[in-house]
Amino acid sequence: MLADRVSVSPSTEVAVPRAELRRKTTWRTRLIAYAFLAPTFIFILSFSYYPAVRALIGAFTSWDGFNPPTWIGFANFTQAFHDPVFLQSIGHVALWTVVGIPLALVPPFIVAELVFQLRSLRAQYLYRTLFIISMVLPTVVGILIWQYIYEPTGLLNAVLKLIGLGFIHHAWLANPSYALWAVILMGFPWVAPFNLLIYYAGLQAIPGELLDAAAVDGTSRWGRILKIDLPLVMSQVKLLLVLSIVGVSQNLLTPMLMTGGGPGTSTTTPVFYMYETAINYDQYGYGMAIAFMVFVVVMVLALLNMRYFQSEA
């Protein structure tokens, strides 16, 4: 049997089976790894899972945030499905999903392809930097800038007047017919820096030999994009699709800062309505019920995406 000799003293050597030595080393390594991971698990349990479980329990109670909660069963959920504002907010987030997710996925891919097609690596680096540098701008600042753009005397109306379309002039965020569309379409040209980086990294991972073979075969650029690039970045598309679904479903800052959910309730989303119900009206149990329903919907959509939107990469 193979064995390793372990020195115990200068004059003594003990034969230890190699498998036993490996087993001891493995358990020692695992214990050290678990010890280092333990604080992370404790923080995750304390600040991620416990609040989620607490919200699930609170969804079945009536609680004003101060007095002890009262168990009321499914009353909060029944109230939600008879609440016209909540039902309206579901329609708003559905429209936001249908319009916003293509805007989050398609323009960044087009720009990533344009940058990737540049022959000069220095030019690729320059253009990539110019797009990504906007990430240093805080989200709140970006939202407030677009709020100014949409004002009656803001940049959008000024540009429309300059190009002879002044008759389209509107108070975009004050008109219930246009406010939701204005909020959804903010961010033109919709090239999210993070999404651009993810696509660009996926394109860089494509083997150069494959691209050279396509060039030798006379494949056009459009054909290469459809037959090579797009199929090989499906993993990135899948990731960004899940992140976009989560982001749209949990959108709070944009309606809060730009419109306050108004005018009226024309830009209210479920998450904003949850916040407003709990913070402004002290209906924490009802707010938790809305949060739980949003969680379930996002989880189902993410699972469906993972189940049916498979990639070969």
Protein backbone atom coordinates (compact mmCIF):
# COMPACT_ATOMS: atom_id res chain seq x y z
CA MET A 1 0.00 0.00 0.00
CA LEU A 2 1.34 3.42 -0.96
CA ALA A 3 2.26 5.53 2.03
CA ASP A 4 3.93 8.83 2.81
CA ARG A 5 6.52 9.11 5.55
CA VAL A 6 5.87 11.87 8.05
CA SER A 7 8.69 12.95 10.35
CA VAL A 8 7.69 13.02 14.01
CA SER A 9 11.15 13.65 15.44
CA PRO A 10 14.67 13.78 14.04
CA SER A 11 15.10 10.07 14.72
CA THR A 12 11.57 8.77 14.12
CA GLU A 13 9.49 8.39 10.95
CA VAL A 14 5.89 7.12 10.81
CA ALA A 15 4.36 5.66 7.67
CA VAL A 16 0.98 7.27 7.01
CA PRO A 17 -1.26 5.92 4.23
CA ARG A 18 -1.52 8.46 1.41
CA ALA A 19 -5.33 8.22 1.25
CA GLU A 20 -5.63 8.92 4.98
CA LEU A 21 -3.31 11.91 4.69
CA ARG A 22 -5.33 13.26 1.79
CA ARG A 23 -8.56 12.75 3.76
CA LYS A 24 -7.20 14.61 6.78
CA THR A 25 -5.98 17.45 4.59
CA THR A 26 -9.31 17.66 2.81
CA TRP A 27 -11.33 17.90 6.02
CA ARG A 28 -8.94 20.48 7.42
CA THR A 29 -9.26 22.54 4.24
CA ARG A 30 -13.04 22.27 4.30
CA LEU A 31 -13.26 23.40 7.90
CA ILE A 32 -11.08 26.41 7.15
CA ALA A 33 -13.21 27.25 4.10
CA TYR A 34 -16.44 26.92 6.11
CA ALA A 35 -15.00 29.13 8.84
CA PHE A 36 -14.25 31.87 6.31
CA LEU A 37 -17.66 31.49 4.63
CA ALA A 38 -19.61 31.49 7.90
CA PRO A 39 -19.71 35.31 8.33
CA THR A 40 -20.98 35.69 4.75
CA PHE A 41 -23.76 33.17 5.34
CA ILE A 42 -24.68 34.88 8.60
CA PHE A 43 -24.99 38.27 6.89
CA ILE A 44 -26.99 36.77 3.99
CA LEU A 45 -29.37 35.05 6.40
CA SER A 46 -29.73 38.18 8.52
CA PHE A 47 -30.13 40.81 5.81
CA SER A 48 -31.55 38.88 2.83
CA TYR A 49 -33.46 35.76 3.85
CA TYR A 50 -34.83 36.91 7.21
CA PRO A 51 -36.46 40.07 5.75
CA ALA A 52 -37.99 37.96 2.97
CA VAL A 53 -39.43 35.47 5.45
CA ARG A 54 -40.59 38.33 7.69
CA ALA A 55 -42.34 39.96 4.73
CA LEU A 56 -44.02 36.68 3.83
CA ILE A 57 -45.38 36.30 7.36
CA GLY A 58 -46.34 39.98 7.53
CA ALA A 59 -48.32 39.66 4.29
CA PHE A 60 -50.96 37.72 6.23
CA THR A 61 -51.26 40.33 8.98
CA SER A 62 -52.65 43.81 9.55
CA TRP A 63 -49.80 45.94 10.90
CA ASP A 64 -49.33 49.69 11.16
CA GLY A 65 -45.62 49.47 11.96
CA PHE A 66 -46.03 50.20 15.69
CA ASN A 67 -48.71 48.05 17.30
CA PRO A 68 -48.46 44.24 17.35
CA PRO A 69 -49.54 42.71 14.01
CA THR A 70 -52.92 41.02 13.78
CA TRP A 71 -53.36 37.83 11.77
CA ILE A 72 -55.97 38.35 9.03
CA GLY A 73 -55.19 35.49 6.63
CA PHE A 74 -55.61 36.23 2.92
CA ALA A 75 -57.45 39.52 3.43
CA ASN A 76 -54.53 41.58 2.11
CA PHE A 77 -54.38 39.54 -1.10
CA THR A 78 -58.14 39.78 -1.55
CA GLN A 79 -57.91 43.54 -1.09
CA ALA A 80 -55.11 43.77 -3.67
CA PHE A 81 -57.15 42.05 -6.39
CA HIS A 82 -60.02 44.46 -5.75
CA ASP A 83 -57.78 47.54 -5.54
CA PRO A 84 -58.11 49.58 -8.78
CA VAL A 85 -54.81 51.38 -8.19
CA PHE A 86 -52.90 48.12 -7.74
CA LEU A 87 -54.54 46.58 -10.83
CA GLN A 88 -53.69 49.72 -12.79
CA SER A 89 -50.08 49.51 -11.61
CA ILE A 90 -49.88 45.94 -12.93
CA GLY A 91 -50.91 47.21 -16.36
CA HIS A 92 -48.25 49.91 -16.16
CA VAL A 93 -45.45 47.47 -15.34
CA ALA A 94 -46.69 45.07 -18.04
CA LEU A 95 -46.42 47.85 -20.65
CA TRP A 96 -43.04 48.83 -19.22
CA THR A 97 -41.87 45.23 -19.59
CA VAL A 98 -43.07 44.87 -23.19
CA VAL A 99 -41.44 48.15 -24.28
CA GLY A 100 -38.54 48.47 -21.87
CA ILE A 101 -36.95 45.03 -22.15
CA PRO A 102 -36.36 45.22 -25.93
CA LEU A 103 -34.86 48.67 -25.39
CA ALA A 104 -32.58 47.20 -22.72
CA LEU A 105 -31.46 44.29 -24.92
CA VAL A 106 -31.33 45.43 -28.56
CA PRO A 107 -29.57 48.85 -28.66
CA PRO A 108 -26.65 47.74 -26.42
CA PHE A 109 -26.12 44.68 -28.64
CA ILE A 110 -26.08 46.82 -31.79
CA VAL A 111 -23.53 49.23 -30.28
CA ALA A 112 -21.43 46.33 -28.94
CA GLU A 113 -21.35 44.87 -32.46
CA LEU A 114 -20.35 48.22 -33.96
CA VAL A 115 -17.52 48.62 -31.46
CA PHE A 116 -16.41 45.00 -31.90
CA GLN A 117 -16.31 45.42 -35.70
CA LEU A 118 -13.69 48.18 -35.43
CA ARG A 119 -10.33 46.88 -36.63
CA SER A 120 -8.27 49.09 -34.35
CA LEU A 121 -8.10 47.83 -30.76
CA ARG A 122 -7.30 51.37 -29.67
CA ALA A 123 -10.50 52.63 -31.33
CA GLN A 124 -12.47 49.83 -29.62
CA TYR A 125 -11.05 50.87 -26.28
CA LEU A 126 -11.83 54.55 -26.92
CA TYR A 127 -15.46 54.04 -27.93
CA ARG A 128 -16.04 51.50 -25.19
CA THR A 129 -14.71 53.97 -22.64
CA LEU A 130 -16.89 56.79 -23.98
CA PHE A 131 -20.02 54.69 -23.53
CA ILE A 132 -19.06 53.19 -20.18
CA ILE A 133 -17.89 56.42 -18.54
CA SER A 134 -21.53 57.36 -18.02
CA MET A 135 -21.68 54.64 -15.33
CA VAL A 136 -20.01 57.06 -12.91
CA LEU A 137 -23.13 59.23 -13.08
CA PRO A 138 -25.43 58.37 -10.14
CA THR A 139 -28.81 56.96 -11.12
CA VAL A 140 -30.63 59.72 -9.26
CA VAL A 141 -28.77 62.41 -11.20
CA GLY A 142 -29.64 60.76 -14.51
CA ILE A 143 -33.33 60.63 -13.57
CA LEU A 144 -33.35 64.29 -12.54
CA ILE A 145 -31.66 65.26 -15.82
CA TRP A 146 -34.42 63.54 -17.77
CA GLN A 147 -37.00 65.22 -15.57
CA TYR A 148 -35.58 68.56 -16.72
CA ILE A 149 -35.56 67.37 -20.37
CA TYR A 150 -39.29 66.62 -20.15
CA GLU A 151 -40.27 69.96 -18.59
CA PRO A 152 -42.43 72.35 -20.68
CA THR A 153 -39.40 74.62 -21.11
CA GLY A 154 -36.97 71.69 -21.21
CA LEU A 155 -34.66 70.37 -23.89
CA LEU A 156 -37.13 68.04 -25.63
CA ASN A 157 -39.67 70.75 -26.40
CA ALA A 158 -36.87 73.11 -27.43
CA VAL A 159 -35.53 70.57 -29.93
CA LEU A 160 -39.02 69.89 -31.29
CA LYS A 161 -39.54 73.60 -31.82
CA LEU A 162 -36.13 73.93 -33.47
CA ILE A 163 -36.88 71.25 -36.07
CA GLY A 164 -40.34 72.62 -36.83
CA LEU A 165 -42.36 70.24 -34.67
CA GLY A 166 -43.35 72.77 -32.04
CA PHE A 167 -47.00 71.77 -32.39
CA ILE A 168 -46.10 68.52 -30.55
CA HIS A 169 -45.11 70.60 -27.51
CA HIS A 170 -46.42 69.00 -24.30
CA ALA A 171 -45.92 69.07 -20.56
CA TRP A 172 -44.85 65.45 -20.89
CA LEU A 173 -44.80 64.49 -17.21
CA ALA A 174 -47.95 66.45 -16.33
CA ASN A 175 -50.20 64.86 -18.94
CA PRO A 176 -51.68 61.47 -17.89
CA SER A 177 -51.79 60.39 -21.54
CA TYR A 178 -48.04 60.83 -22.05
CA ALA A 179 -46.44 60.57 -18.61
CA LEU A 180 -46.04 56.78 -18.55
CA TRP A 181 -44.59 56.71 -22.07
CA ALA A 182 -42.21 59.53 -21.17
CA VAL A 183 -40.97 57.61 -18.13
CA ILE A 184 -40.59 54.35 -20.06
CA LEU A 185 -38.72 55.95 -22.98
CA MET A 186 -36.28 57.98 -20.89
CA GLY A 187 -32.63 57.17 -21.42
CA PHE A 188 -32.39 57.66 -25.18
CA PRO A 189 -30.49 56.15 -27.02
CA TRP A 190 -31.02 53.35 -24.47
CA VAL A 191 -27.45 52.03 -24.53
CA ALA A 192 -27.06 50.80 -20.97
CA PRO A 193 -23.30 50.69 -20.20
CA PHE A 194 -23.54 47.48 -18.14
CA ASN A 195 -25.44 45.66 -20.90
CA LEU A 196 -22.95 46.93 -23.46
CA LEU A 197 -20.07 45.53 -21.41
CA ILE A 198 -21.75 42.13 -21.06
CA TYR A 199 -22.35 41.87 -24.81
CA TYR A 200 -18.87 43.07 -25.65
CA ALA A 201 -17.32 40.48 -23.34
CA GLY A 202 -19.40 37.78 -25.02
CA LEU A 203 -18.28 38.90 -28.46
CA GLN A 204 -14.64 38.91 -27.37
CA ALA A 205 -15.02 35.30 -26.19
CA ILE A 206 -15.89 34.12 -29.72
CA PRO A 207 -12.89 32.13 -31.08
CA GLY A 208 -10.95 34.10 -33.68
CA GLU A 209 -10.60 30.98 -35.84
CA LEU A 210 -14.37 30.85 -36.19
CA LEU A 211 -14.53 34.47 -37.35
CA ASP A 212 -11.65 33.90 -39.78
CA ALA A 213 -13.39 30.85 -41.23
CA ALA A 214 -16.57 32.88 -41.75
CA ALA A 215 -14.56 35.57 -43.55
CA VAL A 216 -12.89 32.97 -45.78
CA ASP A 217 -16.31 31.50 -46.64
CA GLY A 218 -17.45 34.94 -47.75
CA THR A 219 -20.06 35.37 -45.00
CA SER A 220 -21.41 38.89 -44.91
CA ARG A 221 -21.30 40.89 -41.69
CA TRP A 222 -25.05 40.62 -41.27
CA GLY A 223 -24.89 36.87 -41.88
CA ARG A 224 -22.06 36.52 -39.39
CA ILE A 225 -24.06 38.40 -36.77
CA LEU A 226 -27.11 36.16 -37.25
CA LYS A 227 -25.30 32.83 -37.65
CA ILE A 228 -22.29 33.22 -35.33
CA ASP A 229 -22.35 36.23 -33.02
CA LEU A 230 -25.95 36.11 -31.85
CA PRO A 231 -26.08 32.34 -31.15
CA LEU A 232 -22.79 32.52 -29.22
CA VAL A 233 -23.88 35.41 -27.00
CA MET A 234 -27.19 33.78 -26.05
CA SER A 235 -25.85 33.21 -22.53
CA GLN A 236 -25.37 36.97 -22.19
CA VAL A 237 -28.84 37.63 -23.64
CA LYS A 238 -30.34 35.21 -21.13
CA LEU A 239 -28.55 36.90 -18.23
CA LEU A 240 -29.58 40.40 -19.31
CA LEU A 241 -33.16 39.26 -19.89
CA VAL A 242 -33.44 38.00 -16.31
CA LEU A 243 -31.82 41.16 -14.93
CA SER A 244 -34.11 43.34 -17.05
CA ILE A 245 -37.23 41.54 -15.84
CA VAL A 246 -36.13 41.98 -12.24
CA GLY A 247 -35.19 45.63 -12.81
CA VAL A 248 -38.48 46.58 -14.48
CA SER A 249 -40.58 44.69 -11.94
CA GLN A 250 -38.81 46.37 -9.03
CA ASN A 251 -38.64 49.87 -10.52
CA LEU A 252 -39.08 52.35 -7.69
CA LEU A 253 -36.72 55.31 -8.12
CA THR A 254 -37.85 56.40 -11.58
CA PRO A 255 -41.59 56.93 -10.87
CA MET A 256 -40.83 58.22 -7.37
CA LEU A 257 -38.41 60.93 -8.48
CA MET A 258 -39.87 61.88 -11.86
CA THR A 259 -43.61 61.90 -11.24
CA GLY A 260 -44.37 60.68 -7.71
CA GLY A 261 -46.58 58.07 -9.37
CA GLY A 262 -48.67 60.77 -11.03
CA PRO A 263 -50.28 62.67 -12.44
CA GLY A 264 -52.92 60.89 -10.43
CA THR A 265 -51.84 57.26 -10.59
CA SER A 266 -50.86 57.23 -14.27
CA THR A 267 -47.23 56.18 -13.61
CA THR A 268 -47.69 54.12 -10.44
CA THR A 269 -45.91 50.75 -10.41
CA PRO A 270 -46.56 47.89 -7.96
CA VAL A 271 -43.30 48.48 -6.08
CA PHE A 272 -43.93 52.22 -5.82
CA TYR A 273 -47.49 51.53 -4.66
CA MET A 274 -46.11 49.10 -2.08
CA TYR A 275 -43.74 51.78 -0.80
CA GLU A 276 -46.43 54.45 -0.73
CA THR A 277 -48.93 52.15 1.02
CA ALA A 278 -46.49 51.16 3.74
CA ILE A 279 -44.64 54.45 4.34
CA ASN A 280 -47.34 57.05 3.70
CA TYR A 281 -50.42 55.15 4.87
CA ASP A 282 -48.88 52.86 7.53
CA GLN A 283 -50.38 49.74 5.95
CA TYR A 284 -47.29 47.58 6.29
CA GLY A 285 -49.15 44.29 6.09
CA TYR A 286 -50.78 45.29 2.80
CA GLY A 287 -47.45 46.55 1.50
CA MET A 288 -45.80 43.22 2.36
CA ALA A 289 -48.55 41.37 0.52
CA ILE A 290 -47.87 43.44 -2.60
CA ALA A 291 -44.12 42.81 -2.22
CA PHE A 292 -44.73 39.07 -1.92
CA MET A 293 -46.86 39.02 -5.09
CA VAL A 294 -44.18 40.94 -6.99
CA PHE A 295 -41.59 38.44 -5.76
CA VAL A 296 -43.69 35.48 -6.94
CA VAL A 297 -44.24 37.00 -10.40
CA VAL A 298 -40.55 37.82 -10.86
CA MET A 299 -39.54 34.34 -9.68
CA VAL A 300 -41.96 32.65 -12.09
CA LEU A 301 -40.77 34.75 -15.03
CA ALA A 302 -37.12 34.05 -14.19
CA LEU A 303 -37.77 30.30 -13.93
CA LEU A 304 -39.67 30.27 -17.23
CA ASN A 305 -36.79 32.12 -18.85
CA MET A 306 -34.27 29.62 -17.49
CA ARG A 307 -36.47 26.68 -18.51
CA TYR A 308 -37.46 27.66 -22.05
CA PHE A 309 -34.81 30.13 -23.15
CA GLN A 310 -31.91 27.72 -23.31
CA SER A 311 -28.55 28.57 -24.84
CA GLU A 312 -25.92 26.36 -26.34
CA ALA A 313 -23.01 28.24 -24.69
